[in-house]
Amino acid sequence: MSPKNKNKTELADYTTIKHNPRVKFDLSNNDYCIANAIYHLSNNPESIFKGWYHGKVETLGKMFDLSRASAYNSITKLIDKKLVEKNEESGFLKTTKLWWDEFVNFEIGHTSKN
């Protein structure tokens, strides 16, 4: 990558969306993509802040070609639904146990509780 493009955010390649829990929690596809990215990025074993997404919300939005406002609105919605939590001191984000129970366990073979 050239130095000019060093700070350019690449679009996410794909997101597998589990629609059963997405619909249950009234999430848009964009909300789901943002939460899923937080989950995966916060679990990077090379992160210096293990368990937390410490990048910018704008960067999450750019990964999915969303506006800054759309990304912030999704984060607010996910926090309100207790699927994402924000560390008020650092501003870092992570998905919650509810996300794990309803979305990740669903991905690995357990059904979502309706």
C-alpha atoms as a PDB file:
ATOM      1  CA  MET A   1       0.000   0.000   0.000  1.00  0.00           C
ATOM      2  CA  SER A   2       1.396   3.412  -0.873  1.00  0.00           C
ATOM      3  CA  PRO A   3       2.071   5.926   1.934  1.00  0.00           C
ATOM      4  CA  LYS A   4      -0.808   8.035   0.583  1.00  0.00           C
ATOM      5  CA  ASN A   5      -3.268   5.170   1.281  1.00  0.00           C
ATOM      6  CA  LYS A   6      -1.697   4.053   4.582  1.00  0.00           C
ATOM      7  CA  ASN A   7      -4.547   5.427   6.697  1.00  0.00           C
ATOM      8  CA  LYS A   8      -7.337   4.480   4.294  1.00  0.00           C
ATOM      9  CA  THR A   9      -9.921   2.131   5.807  1.00  0.00           C
ATOM     10  CA  GLU A  10     -10.638  -0.874   3.635  1.00  0.00           C
ATOM     11  CA  LEU A  11     -14.194  -2.077   3.148  1.00  0.00           C
ATOM     12  CA  ALA A  12     -15.060  -5.249   5.018  1.00  0.00           C
ATOM     13  CA  ASP A  13     -14.980  -8.235   2.706  1.00  0.00           C
ATOM     14  CA  TYR A  14     -18.194  -9.827   3.996  1.00  0.00           C
ATOM     15  CA  THR A  15     -20.349 -10.363   7.076  1.00  0.00           C
ATOM     16  CA  THR A  16     -22.395 -13.480   7.677  1.00  0.00           C
ATOM     17  CA  ILE A  17     -25.660 -12.268   9.164  1.00  0.00           C
ATOM     18  CA  LYS A  18     -27.720 -14.517  11.392  1.00  0.00           C
ATOM     19  CA  HIS A  19     -31.189 -13.145  10.741  1.00  0.00           C
ATOM     20  CA  ASN A  20     -33.084 -14.962  13.491  1.00  0.00           C
ATOM     21  CA  PRO A  21     -31.401 -13.078  16.365  1.00  0.00           C
ATOM     22  CA  ARG A  22     -31.036  -9.921  14.228  1.00  0.00           C
ATOM     23  CA  VAL A  23     -34.807  -9.757  13.771  1.00  0.00           C
ATOM     24  CA  LYS A  24     -35.448 -10.733  17.402  1.00  0.00           C
ATOM     25  CA  PHE A  25     -33.454  -7.687  18.551  1.00  0.00           C
ATOM     26  CA  ASP A  26     -34.836  -5.411  15.814  1.00  0.00           C
ATOM     27  CA  LEU A  27     -31.393  -4.714  14.324  1.00  0.00           C
ATOM     28  CA  SER A  28     -30.828  -3.467  10.817  1.00  0.00           C
ATOM     29  CA  ASN A  29     -28.226  -5.207   8.700  1.00  0.00           C
ATOM     30  CA  ASN A  30     -25.971  -2.198   9.340  1.00  0.00           C
ATOM     31  CA  ASP A  31     -26.421  -2.489  13.126  1.00  0.00           C
ATOM     32  CA  TYR A  32     -25.546  -6.169  12.905  1.00  0.00           C
ATOM     33  CA  CYS A  33     -22.418  -5.489  10.833  1.00  0.00           C
ATOM     34  CA  ILE A  34     -21.188  -2.879  13.324  1.00  0.00           C
ATOM     35  CA  ALA A  35     -21.760  -5.189  16.324  1.00  0.00           C
ATOM     36  CA  ASN A  36     -20.166  -8.137  14.561  1.00  0.00           C
ATOM     37  CA  ALA A  37     -17.100  -6.037  13.701  1.00  0.00           C
ATOM     38  CA  ILE A  38     -16.805  -4.912  17.336  1.00  0.00           C
ATOM     39  CA  TYR A  39     -16.997  -8.540  18.454  1.00  0.00           C
ATOM     40  CA  HIS A  40     -14.289  -9.713  16.078  1.00  0.00           C
ATOM     41  CA  LEU A  41     -11.980  -6.705  16.444  1.00  0.00           C
ATOM     42  CA  SER A  42     -12.185  -6.796  20.249  1.00  0.00           C
ATOM     43  CA  ASN A  43     -11.051 -10.421  20.188  1.00  0.00           C
ATOM     44  CA  ASN A  44      -7.834  -9.733  18.275  1.00  0.00           C
ATOM     45  CA  PRO A  45      -5.162 -11.699  20.200  1.00  0.00           C
ATOM     46  CA  GLU A  46      -2.526  -9.110  19.215  1.00  0.00           C
ATOM     47  CA  SER A  47      -4.465  -6.169  20.654  1.00  0.00           C
ATOM     48  CA  ILE A  48      -2.851  -4.218  23.457  1.00  0.00           C
ATOM     49  CA  PHE A  49      -6.356  -3.696  24.899  1.00  0.00           C
ATOM     50  CA  LYS A  50      -7.579  -7.285  24.990  1.00  0.00           C
ATOM     51  CA  GLY A  51     -11.341  -7.671  24.898  1.00  0.00           C
ATOM     52  CA  TRP A  52     -12.046  -4.129  23.704  1.00  0.00           C
ATOM     53  CA  TYR A  53     -12.423  -2.410  20.352  1.00  0.00           C
ATOM     54  CA  HIS A  54     -10.343   0.734  20.756  1.00  0.00           C
ATOM     55  CA  GLY A  55     -10.609   2.237  17.283  1.00  0.00           C
ATOM     56  CA  LYS A  56     -12.823   5.070  16.129  1.00  0.00           C
ATOM     57  CA  VAL A  57     -16.524   4.668  15.502  1.00  0.00           C
ATOM     58  CA  GLU A  58     -15.969   6.460  12.189  1.00  0.00           C
ATOM     59  CA  THR A  59     -13.586   3.667  11.187  1.00  0.00           C
ATOM     60  CA  LEU A  60     -16.281   1.067  11.869  1.00  0.00           C
ATOM     61  CA  GLY A  61     -18.640   3.035   9.648  1.00  0.00           C
ATOM     62  CA  LYS A  62     -16.083   3.276   6.846  1.00  0.00           C
ATOM     63  CA  MET A  63     -15.636  -0.506   6.918  1.00  0.00           C
ATOM     64  CA  PHE A  64     -19.253  -0.783   5.707  1.00  0.00           C
ATOM     65  CA  ASP A  65     -19.489   2.455   3.682  1.00  0.00           C
ATOM     66  CA  LEU A  66     -21.701   4.047   6.350  1.00  0.00           C
ATOM     67  CA  SER A  67     -21.768   7.694   7.308  1.00  0.00           C
ATOM     68  CA  ARG A  68     -20.331   8.828  10.632  1.00  0.00           C
ATOM     69  CA  ALA A  69     -23.876   9.550  11.874  1.00  0.00           C
ATOM     70  CA  SER A  70     -25.115   6.086  10.853  1.00  0.00           C
ATOM     71  CA  ALA A  71     -22.228   4.415  12.686  1.00  0.00           C
ATOM     72  CA  TYR A  72     -22.889   6.446  15.855  1.00  0.00           C
ATOM     73  CA  ASN A  73     -26.636   5.744  15.646  1.00  0.00           C
ATOM     74  CA  SER A  74     -25.939   2.004  15.379  1.00  0.00           C
ATOM     75  CA  ILE A  75     -23.599   2.117  18.390  1.00  0.00           C
ATOM     76  CA  THR A  76     -26.232   3.987  20.432  1.00  0.00           C
ATOM     77  CA  LYS A  77     -28.897   1.448  19.461  1.00  0.00           C
ATOM     78  CA  LEU A  78     -26.613  -1.493  20.312  1.00  0.00           C
ATOM     79  CA  ILE A  79     -25.780   0.021  23.705  1.00  0.00           C
ATOM     80  CA  ASP A  80     -29.476   0.690  24.410  1.00  0.00           C
ATOM     81  CA  LYS A  81     -30.258  -2.951  23.608  1.00  0.00           C
ATOM     82  CA  LYS A  82     -27.429  -4.120  25.934  1.00  0.00           C
ATOM     83  CA  LEU A  83     -25.611  -5.837  23.045  1.00  0.00           C
ATOM     84  CA  VAL A  84     -22.579  -3.532  23.229  1.00  0.00           C
ATOM     85  CA  GLU A  85     -21.075  -1.739  26.188  1.00  0.00           C
ATOM     86  CA  LYS A  86     -18.901   1.344  26.241  1.00  0.00           C
ATOM     87  CA  ASN A  87     -16.176   2.035  28.773  1.00  0.00           C
ATOM     88  CA  GLU A  88     -17.041   5.599  29.763  1.00  0.00           C
ATOM     89  CA  GLU A  89     -13.470   6.408  30.769  1.00  0.00           C
ATOM     90  CA  SER A  90     -11.709   5.199  27.611  1.00  0.00           C
ATOM     91  CA  GLY A  91     -14.567   5.191  25.092  1.00  0.00           C
ATOM     92  CA  PHE A  92     -13.612   1.612  24.122  1.00  0.00           C
ATOM     93  CA  LEU A  93     -16.373  -0.761  23.002  1.00  0.00           C
ATOM     94  CA  LYS A  94     -17.071  -4.457  23.393  1.00  0.00           C
ATOM     95  CA  THR A  95     -19.972  -6.784  22.865  1.00  0.00           C
ATOM     96  CA  THR A  96     -21.750  -8.091  25.943  1.00  0.00           C
ATOM     97  CA  LYS A  97     -22.599 -11.523  27.288  1.00  0.00           C
ATOM     98  CA  LEU A  98     -26.048 -11.020  25.736  1.00  0.00           C
ATOM     99  CA  TRP A  99     -24.390 -10.718  22.303  1.00  0.00           C
ATOM    100  CA  TRP A 100     -22.427 -13.894  23.050  1.00  0.00           C
ATOM    101  CA  ASP A 101     -25.501 -15.797  24.229  1.00  0.00           C
ATOM    102  CA  GLU A 102     -27.836 -14.713  21.448  1.00  0.00           C
ATOM    103  CA  PHE A 103     -25.554 -14.304  18.434  1.00  0.00           C
ATOM    104  CA  VAL A 104     -22.285 -16.191  18.896  1.00  0.00           C
ATOM    105  CA  ASN A 105     -23.757 -19.294  20.531  1.00  0.00           C
ATOM    106  CA  PHE A 106     -26.412 -19.195  17.832  1.00  0.00           C
ATOM    107  CA  GLU A 107     -23.616 -19.193  15.249  1.00  0.00           C
ATOM    108  CA  ILE A 108     -22.008 -22.277  16.736  1.00  0.00           C
ATOM    109  CA  GLY A 109     -25.125 -24.379  16.852  1.00  0.00           C
ATOM    110  CA  HIS A 110     -27.366 -23.211  19.651  1.00  0.00           C
ATOM    111  CA  THR A 111     -30.685 -21.689  18.753  1.00  0.00           C
ATOM    112  CA  SER A 112     -31.718 -18.242  19.853  1.00  0.00           C
ATOM    113  CA  LYS A 113     -34.332 -18.219  22.614  1.00  0.00           C
ATOM    114  CA  ASN A 114     -37.536 -16.683  21.252  1.00  0.00           C
END
